[in-house]
Amino acid sequence: MDLLALADFTLVARHGGFGKAARVTRRPKATLSRRVGELEAALDLRLFERGRRDLKLTEEGRALFERAGALLTELEETATAIASGSERVRGRLRISAPLLFSQTAMGRLAAEFARRHAEVRLEATTDDRAVDMIEEG
């Protein structure tokens, strides 16, 4: 299923027509109509009942709009949150550092990092040898 066509369908359904959706998004009405038509063909069902002056969702169209609209909204919110950096940093961070650096600076740096990023599990290893990060995980 073409997610962009699905997004165009939900846009048209939300605004109650191709013309209104086109004006709000400043996209050609013909493009929206074509994309919804392609979605209907791919799904092999009608999503809208088209009258002379009005456009109404079919039962299948209403069901798709309710489910897909919520999912697309959630996807948009997730993308926005990730792009803005509002998601919390979490996971595991492994650090390997030379012994002298660890003794002089690592404690302060690790404590500050842990304070800022409480959901990150910090694993520090001190060793005066070259470490192959891939090989040693």
N, C-alpha and C. Protein backbone atom coordinates (compact mmCIF):
# COMPACT_ATOMS: atom_id res chain seq x y z
N MET A 1 0.85 -1.17 0.00
CA MET A 1 0.00 0.00 0.00
C MET A 1 0.89 1.24 0.00
N ASP A 2 0.53 2.19 -0.79
CA ASP A 2 1.27 3.45 -0.91
C ASP A 2 0.90 4.37 0.25
N LEU A 3 1.85 4.60 1.15
CA LEU A 3 1.57 5.43 2.33
C LEU A 3 1.30 6.88 1.97
N LEU A 4 1.90 7.36 0.90
CA LEU A 4 1.64 8.75 0.49
C LEU A 4 0.21 8.89 -0.03
N ALA A 5 -0.27 7.89 -0.76
CA ALA A 5 -1.66 7.91 -1.21
C ALA A 5 -2.60 7.81 -0.01
N LEU A 6 -2.23 7.00 0.96
CA LEU A 6 -3.03 6.88 2.17
C LEU A 6 -3.07 8.21 2.92
N ALA A 7 -1.94 8.90 2.97
CA ALA A 7 -1.90 10.21 3.61
C ALA A 7 -2.78 11.21 2.86
N ASP A 8 -2.77 11.15 1.53
CA ASP A 8 -3.63 12.04 0.75
C ASP A 8 -5.10 11.71 0.99
N PHE A 9 -5.43 10.44 1.08
CA PHE A 9 -6.81 10.04 1.38
C PHE A 9 -7.26 10.62 2.72
N THR A 10 -6.44 10.48 3.75
CA THR A 10 -6.84 10.98 5.07
C THR A 10 -6.95 12.51 5.07
N LEU A 11 -6.11 13.15 4.27
CA LEU A 11 -6.18 14.60 4.14
C LEU A 11 -7.52 15.02 3.54
N VAL A 12 -7.91 14.36 2.46
CA VAL A 12 -9.18 14.67 1.81
C VAL A 12 -10.35 14.36 2.74
N ALA A 13 -10.29 13.23 3.42
CA ALA A 13 -11.37 12.86 4.34
C ALA A 13 -11.47 13.85 5.49
N ARG A 14 -10.34 14.28 6.03
CA ARG A 14 -10.33 15.22 7.15
C ARG A 14 -10.95 16.56 6.77
N HIS A 15 -10.68 17.01 5.52
CA HIS A 15 -11.16 18.32 5.10
C HIS A 15 -12.51 18.25 4.39
N GLY A 16 -13.00 17.05 4.15
CA GLY A 16 -14.33 16.90 3.58
C GLY A 16 -14.43 17.11 2.08
N GLY A 17 -13.31 17.12 1.40
CA GLY A 17 -13.37 17.26 -0.05
C GLY A 17 -12.01 17.52 -0.66
N PHE A 18 -11.93 17.27 -1.96
CA PHE A 18 -10.67 17.45 -2.68
C PHE A 18 -10.30 18.93 -2.78
N GLY A 19 -11.29 19.77 -3.05
CA GLY A 19 -11.03 21.20 -3.20
C GLY A 19 -10.52 21.83 -1.92
N LYS A 20 -11.16 21.52 -0.80
CA LYS A 20 -10.73 22.08 0.48
C LYS A 20 -9.33 21.58 0.85
N ALA A 21 -9.09 20.30 0.66
CA ALA A 21 -7.77 19.74 0.97
C ALA A 21 -6.70 20.36 0.08
N ALA A 22 -7.03 20.59 -1.19
CA ALA A 22 -6.08 21.20 -2.12
C ALA A 22 -5.75 22.63 -1.70
N ARG A 23 -6.77 23.38 -1.29
CA ARG A 23 -6.53 24.77 -0.88
C ARG A 23 -5.68 24.83 0.39
N VAL A 24 -5.97 23.97 1.36
CA VAL A 24 -5.23 23.98 2.63
C VAL A 24 -3.77 23.61 2.42
N THR A 25 -3.53 22.63 1.58
CA THR A 25 -2.15 22.14 1.39
C THR A 25 -1.44 22.78 0.21
N ARG A 26 -2.19 23.58 -0.57
CA ARG A 26 -1.64 24.21 -1.78
C ARG A 26 -1.08 23.18 -2.75
N ARG A 27 -1.82 22.08 -2.88
CA ARG A 27 -1.47 21.04 -3.84
C ARG A 27 -2.57 20.97 -4.88
N PRO A 28 -2.26 20.52 -6.07
CA PRO A 28 -3.29 20.45 -7.10
C PRO A 28 -4.40 19.46 -6.74
N LYS A 29 -5.62 19.88 -6.96
CA LYS A 29 -6.79 19.04 -6.69
C LYS A 29 -6.72 17.76 -7.51
N ALA A 30 -6.25 17.88 -8.75
CA ALA A 30 -6.16 16.72 -9.64
C ALA A 30 -5.19 15.67 -9.08
N THR A 31 -4.11 16.12 -8.47
CA THR A 31 -3.13 15.19 -7.88
C THR A 31 -3.75 14.42 -6.73
N LEU A 32 -4.46 15.12 -5.87
CA LEU A 32 -5.12 14.45 -4.75
C LEU A 32 -6.15 13.45 -5.25
N SER A 33 -6.92 13.84 -6.24
CA SER A 33 -7.94 12.96 -6.79
C SER A 33 -7.31 11.72 -7.42
N ARG A 34 -6.24 11.92 -8.16
CA ARG A 34 -5.55 10.79 -8.79
C ARG A 34 -4.99 9.83 -7.75
N ARG A 35 -4.37 10.38 -6.71
CA ARG A 35 -3.76 9.53 -5.67
C ARG A 35 -4.82 8.73 -4.91
N VAL A 36 -5.95 9.36 -4.61
CA VAL A 36 -7.03 8.64 -3.93
C VAL A 36 -7.59 7.57 -4.86
N GLY A 37 -7.72 7.89 -6.13
CA GLY A 37 -8.19 6.90 -7.11
C GLY A 37 -7.26 5.71 -7.20
N GLU A 38 -5.95 5.97 -7.16
CA GLU A 38 -4.97 4.88 -7.18
C GLU A 38 -5.08 4.01 -5.92
N LEU A 39 -5.32 4.65 -4.78
CA LEU A 39 -5.49 3.89 -3.54
C LEU A 39 -6.75 3.03 -3.61
N GLU A 40 -7.82 3.60 -4.12
CA GLU A 40 -9.06 2.82 -4.27
C GLU A 40 -8.84 1.63 -5.20
N ALA A 41 -8.11 1.85 -6.28
CA ALA A 41 -7.83 0.75 -7.21
C ALA A 41 -6.97 -0.32 -6.56
N ALA A 42 -5.96 0.10 -5.79
CA ALA A 42 -5.07 -0.86 -5.13
C ALA A 42 -5.83 -1.68 -4.09
N LEU A 43 -6.77 -1.04 -3.39
CA LEU A 43 -7.55 -1.74 -2.37
C LEU A 43 -8.77 -2.46 -2.96
N ASP A 44 -9.08 -2.13 -4.19
CA ASP A 44 -10.22 -2.70 -4.90
C ASP A 44 -11.53 -2.41 -4.16
N LEU A 45 -11.69 -1.15 -3.73
CA LEU A 45 -12.94 -0.72 -3.12
C LEU A 45 -13.06 0.79 -3.20
N ARG A 46 -14.28 1.26 -3.03
CA ARG A 46 -14.53 2.70 -3.07
C ARG A 46 -14.41 3.25 -1.66
N LEU A 47 -13.71 4.36 -1.54
CA LEU A 47 -13.53 4.99 -0.24
C LEU A 47 -14.47 6.18 -0.06
N PHE A 48 -14.88 6.79 -1.18
CA PHE A 48 -15.77 7.94 -1.15
C PHE A 48 -16.97 7.70 -2.06
N GLU A 49 -18.11 8.23 -1.64
CA GLU A 49 -19.27 8.34 -2.51
C GLU A 49 -19.22 9.77 -3.03
N ARG A 50 -19.09 9.90 -4.33
CA ARG A 50 -18.94 11.21 -4.94
C ARG A 50 -20.27 11.68 -5.51
N GLY A 51 -20.77 12.77 -4.95
CA GLY A 51 -22.00 13.38 -5.46
C GLY A 51 -21.66 14.62 -6.27
N ARG A 52 -22.70 15.29 -6.75
CA ARG A 52 -22.45 16.50 -7.54
C ARG A 52 -21.74 17.58 -6.71
N ARG A 53 -22.18 17.75 -5.47
CA ARG A 53 -21.64 18.82 -4.65
C ARG A 53 -21.00 18.35 -3.36
N ASP A 54 -21.13 17.09 -3.07
CA ASP A 54 -20.58 16.64 -1.80
C ASP A 54 -19.80 15.33 -1.98
N LEU A 55 -19.04 15.04 -0.97
CA LEU A 55 -18.19 13.87 -0.94
C LEU A 55 -18.38 13.22 0.43
N LYS A 56 -18.77 11.96 0.43
CA LYS A 56 -19.00 11.27 1.69
C LYS A 56 -18.17 10.00 1.73
N LEU A 57 -17.68 9.70 2.90
CA LEU A 57 -16.94 8.45 3.08
C LEU A 57 -17.88 7.26 3.01
N THR A 58 -17.43 6.20 2.36
CA THR A 58 -18.18 4.95 2.41
C THR A 58 -17.90 4.32 3.78
N GLU A 59 -18.58 3.24 4.07
CA GLU A 59 -18.34 2.55 5.34
C GLU A 59 -16.89 2.09 5.43
N GLU A 60 -16.37 1.55 4.32
CA GLU A 60 -14.97 1.11 4.29
C GLU A 60 -14.03 2.31 4.41
N GLY A 61 -14.39 3.40 3.75
CA GLY A 61 -13.58 4.62 3.81
C GLY A 61 -13.52 5.19 5.22
N ARG A 62 -14.66 5.16 5.91
CA ARG A 62 -14.72 5.65 7.29
C ARG A 62 -13.82 4.80 8.20
N ALA A 63 -13.90 3.48 8.02
CA ALA A 63 -13.07 2.58 8.83
C ALA A 63 -11.58 2.82 8.56
N LEU A 64 -11.24 2.97 7.29
CA LEU A 64 -9.84 3.22 6.94
C LEU A 64 -9.37 4.57 7.48
N PHE A 65 -10.23 5.58 7.38
CA PHE A 65 -9.86 6.91 7.86
C PHE A 65 -9.62 6.90 9.37
N GLU A 66 -10.49 6.24 10.11
CA GLU A 66 -10.34 6.20 11.57
C GLU A 66 -9.05 5.51 11.98
N ARG A 67 -8.74 4.40 11.36
CA ARG A 67 -7.54 3.64 11.74
C ARG A 67 -6.28 4.27 11.17
N ALA A 68 -6.30 4.58 9.89
CA ALA A 68 -5.10 5.12 9.24
C ALA A 68 -4.80 6.53 9.72
N GLY A 69 -5.84 7.31 9.96
CA GLY A 69 -5.62 8.68 10.43
C GLY A 69 -4.87 8.71 11.75
N ALA A 70 -5.26 7.84 12.66
CA ALA A 70 -4.58 7.78 13.96
C ALA A 70 -3.13 7.31 13.79
N LEU A 71 -2.93 6.32 12.94
CA LEU A 71 -1.56 5.81 12.73
C LEU A 71 -0.67 6.85 12.06
N LEU A 72 -1.19 7.54 11.06
CA LEU A 72 -0.40 8.56 10.38
C LEU A 72 -0.07 9.73 11.30
N THR A 73 -1.02 10.09 12.15
CA THR A 73 -0.77 11.16 13.13
C THR A 73 0.34 10.75 14.08
N GLU A 74 0.29 9.51 14.53
CA GLU A 74 1.33 9.00 15.43
C GLU A 74 2.70 8.96 14.74
N LEU A 75 2.73 8.56 13.48
CA LEU A 75 3.99 8.56 12.73
C LEU A 75 4.56 9.96 12.59
N GLU A 76 3.69 10.93 12.28
CA GLU A 76 4.14 12.32 12.16
C GLU A 76 4.68 12.84 13.48
N GLU A 77 3.99 12.54 14.58
CA GLU A 77 4.44 12.99 15.90
C GLU A 77 5.77 12.35 16.26
N THR A 78 5.93 11.08 15.94
CA THR A 78 7.19 10.39 16.22
C THR A 78 8.33 11.01 15.42
N ALA A 79 8.09 11.25 14.14
CA ALA A 79 9.13 11.85 13.29
C ALA A 79 9.50 13.24 13.79
N THR A 80 8.52 14.01 14.20
CA THR A 80 8.78 15.35 14.73
C THR A 80 9.58 15.28 16.02
N ALA A 81 9.21 14.37 16.91
CA ALA A 81 9.92 14.24 18.18
C ALA A 81 11.36 13.82 17.97
N ILE A 82 11.57 12.89 17.07
CA ILE A 82 12.94 12.42 16.81
C ILE A 82 13.76 13.53 16.17
N ALA A 83 13.16 14.23 15.21
CA ALA A 83 13.88 15.30 14.52
C ALA A 83 14.23 16.45 15.46
N SER A 84 13.36 16.72 16.42
CA SER A 84 13.63 17.84 17.33
C SER A 84 14.52 17.45 18.50
N GLY A 85 14.80 16.18 18.62
CA GLY A 85 15.68 15.73 19.69
C GLY A 85 15.01 15.65 21.04
N SER A 86 13.68 15.67 21.06
CA SER A 86 13.00 15.63 22.35
C SER A 86 12.93 14.23 22.94
N GLU A 87 13.26 13.24 22.16
CA GLU A 87 13.29 11.88 22.69
C GLU A 87 14.45 11.77 23.69
N ARG A 88 14.22 11.02 24.73
CA ARG A 88 15.26 10.83 25.74
C ARG A 88 16.32 9.88 25.23
N VAL A 89 17.54 10.15 25.62
CA VAL A 89 18.65 9.27 25.28
C VAL A 89 18.59 8.08 26.23
N ARG A 90 18.68 6.88 25.68
CA ARG A 90 18.63 5.69 26.54
C ARG A 90 19.39 4.57 25.85
N GLY A 91 19.70 3.55 26.63
CA GLY A 91 20.42 2.40 26.09
C GLY A 91 21.70 2.17 26.88
N ARG A 92 22.67 1.61 26.19
CA ARG A 92 23.94 1.30 26.83
C ARG A 92 25.06 1.99 26.06
N LEU A 93 25.99 2.55 26.82
CA LEU A 93 27.16 3.19 26.24
C LEU A 93 28.40 2.55 26.85
N ARG A 94 29.20 1.95 26.00
CA ARG A 94 30.44 1.34 26.47
C ARG A 94 31.60 2.26 26.12
N ILE A 95 32.46 2.46 27.10
CA ILE A 95 33.63 3.32 26.92
C ILE A 95 34.87 2.55 27.32
N SER A 96 35.88 2.66 26.51
CA SER A 96 37.17 2.09 26.85
C SER A 96 38.17 3.24 26.82
N ALA A 97 38.89 3.42 27.91
CA ALA A 97 39.80 4.55 28.01
C ALA A 97 41.11 4.11 28.66
N PRO A 98 42.19 4.83 28.35
CA PRO A 98 43.47 4.52 29.01
C PRO A 98 43.37 4.75 30.52
N LEU A 99 44.18 4.04 31.26
CA LEU A 99 44.16 4.07 32.71
C LEU A 99 44.39 5.48 33.26
N LEU A 100 45.38 6.18 32.77
CA LEU A 100 45.70 7.52 33.29
C LEU A 100 44.52 8.47 33.08
N PHE A 101 43.91 8.45 31.90
CA PHE A 101 42.75 9.31 31.63
C PHE A 101 41.61 8.96 32.57
N SER A 102 41.39 7.68 32.77
CA SER A 102 40.31 7.22 33.66
C SER A 102 40.52 7.72 35.08
N GLN A 103 41.77 7.69 35.55
CA GLN A 103 42.05 8.12 36.91
C GLN A 103 41.92 9.62 37.08
N THR A 104 42.22 10.38 36.04
CA THR A 104 42.23 11.84 36.19
C THR A 104 40.92 12.53 35.80
N ALA A 105 40.21 11.99 34.81
CA ALA A 105 39.05 12.72 34.31
C ALA A 105 37.77 11.91 34.17
N MET A 106 37.87 10.62 34.03
CA MET A 106 36.69 9.81 33.72
C MET A 106 35.60 9.88 34.78
N GLY A 107 35.96 9.89 36.03
CA GLY A 107 34.96 9.93 37.09
C GLY A 107 34.06 11.13 36.99
N ARG A 108 34.65 12.30 36.81
CA ARG A 108 33.89 13.55 36.69
C ARG A 108 32.98 13.52 35.45
N LEU A 109 33.57 13.11 34.32
CA LEU A 109 32.80 13.09 33.08
C LEU A 109 31.66 12.07 33.14
N ALA A 110 31.95 10.90 33.67
CA ALA A 110 30.92 9.85 33.76
C ALA A 110 29.80 10.27 34.71
N ALA A 111 30.14 10.91 35.80
CA ALA A 111 29.12 11.35 36.75
C ALA A 111 28.21 12.40 36.12
N GLU A 112 28.78 13.35 35.41
CA GLU A 112 27.98 14.38 34.74
C GLU A 112 27.10 13.78 33.65
N PHE A 113 27.67 12.86 32.88
CA PHE A 113 26.90 12.19 31.83
C PHE A 113 25.73 11.42 32.44
N ALA A 114 25.99 10.68 33.50
CA ALA A 114 24.94 9.90 34.17
C ALA A 114 23.86 10.80 34.74
N ARG A 115 24.25 11.96 35.23
CA ARG A 115 23.27 12.92 35.75
C ARG A 115 22.36 13.42 34.64
N ARG A 116 22.92 13.73 33.49
CA ARG A 116 22.15 14.27 32.37
C ARG A 116 21.30 13.21 31.66
N HIS A 117 21.83 12.00 31.61
CA HIS A 117 21.17 10.93 30.85
C HIS A 117 20.95 9.71 31.74
N ALA A 118 19.98 9.81 32.61
CA ALA A 118 19.75 8.77 33.62
C ALA A 118 19.34 7.43 33.01
N GLU A 119 18.79 7.44 31.79
CA GLU A 119 18.34 6.19 31.18
C GLU A 119 19.44 5.47 30.40
N VAL A 120 20.65 6.01 30.43
CA VAL A 120 21.77 5.37 29.75
C VAL A 120 22.58 4.59 30.77
N ARG A 121 22.83 3.33 30.45
CA ARG A 121 23.67 2.51 31.31
C ARG A 121 25.10 2.65 30.79
N LEU A 122 25.95 3.20 31.61
CA LEU A 122 27.33 3.49 31.24
C LEU A 122 28.23 2.36 31.71
N GLU A 123 29.00 1.80 30.79
CA GLU A 123 29.97 0.75 31.12
C GLU A 123 31.34 1.25 30.71
N ALA A 124 32.20 1.46 31.70
CA ALA A 124 33.54 1.97 31.42
C ALA A 124 34.58 0.90 31.70
N THR A 125 35.52 0.76 30.77
CA THR A 125 36.63 -0.17 30.92
C THR A 125 37.91 0.63 30.81
N THR A 126 38.82 0.37 31.72
CA THR A 126 40.11 1.06 31.63
C THR A 126 41.19 0.04 31.32
N ASP A 127 41.99 0.37 30.33
CA ASP A 127 43.05 -0.55 29.90
C ASP A 127 44.03 0.24 29.04
N ASP A 128 45.29 -0.05 29.21
CA ASP A 128 46.31 0.62 28.42
C ASP A 128 46.70 -0.21 27.20
N ARG A 129 45.73 -0.60 26.43
CA ARG A 129 45.99 -1.33 25.20
C ARG A 129 45.00 -0.88 24.13
N ALA A 130 45.34 -1.16 22.89
CA ALA A 130 44.42 -0.83 21.81
C ALA A 130 43.23 -1.78 21.89
N VAL A 131 42.04 -1.23 21.73
CA VAL A 131 40.82 -2.03 21.83
C VAL A 131 40.14 -2.08 20.48
N ASP A 132 39.77 -3.28 20.05
CA ASP A 132 38.98 -3.45 18.82
C ASP A 132 37.51 -3.42 19.25
N MET A 133 36.86 -2.28 19.02
CA MET A 133 35.50 -2.08 19.52
C MET A 133 34.50 -3.06 18.91
N ILE A 134 34.71 -3.42 17.66
CA ILE A 134 33.78 -4.36 17.03
C ILE A 134 33.98 -5.76 17.58
N GLU A 135 35.19 -6.19 17.61
CA GLU A 135 35.52 -7.54 18.08
C GLU A 135 35.12 -7.78 19.52
N GLU A 136 35.28 -6.75 20.35
CA GLU A 136 35.02 -6.89 21.77
C GLU A 136 33.62 -6.44 22.19
N GLY A 137 32.80 -6.16 21.22
CA GLY A 137 31.40 -5.80 21.52
C GLY A 137 31.27 -4.42 22.08
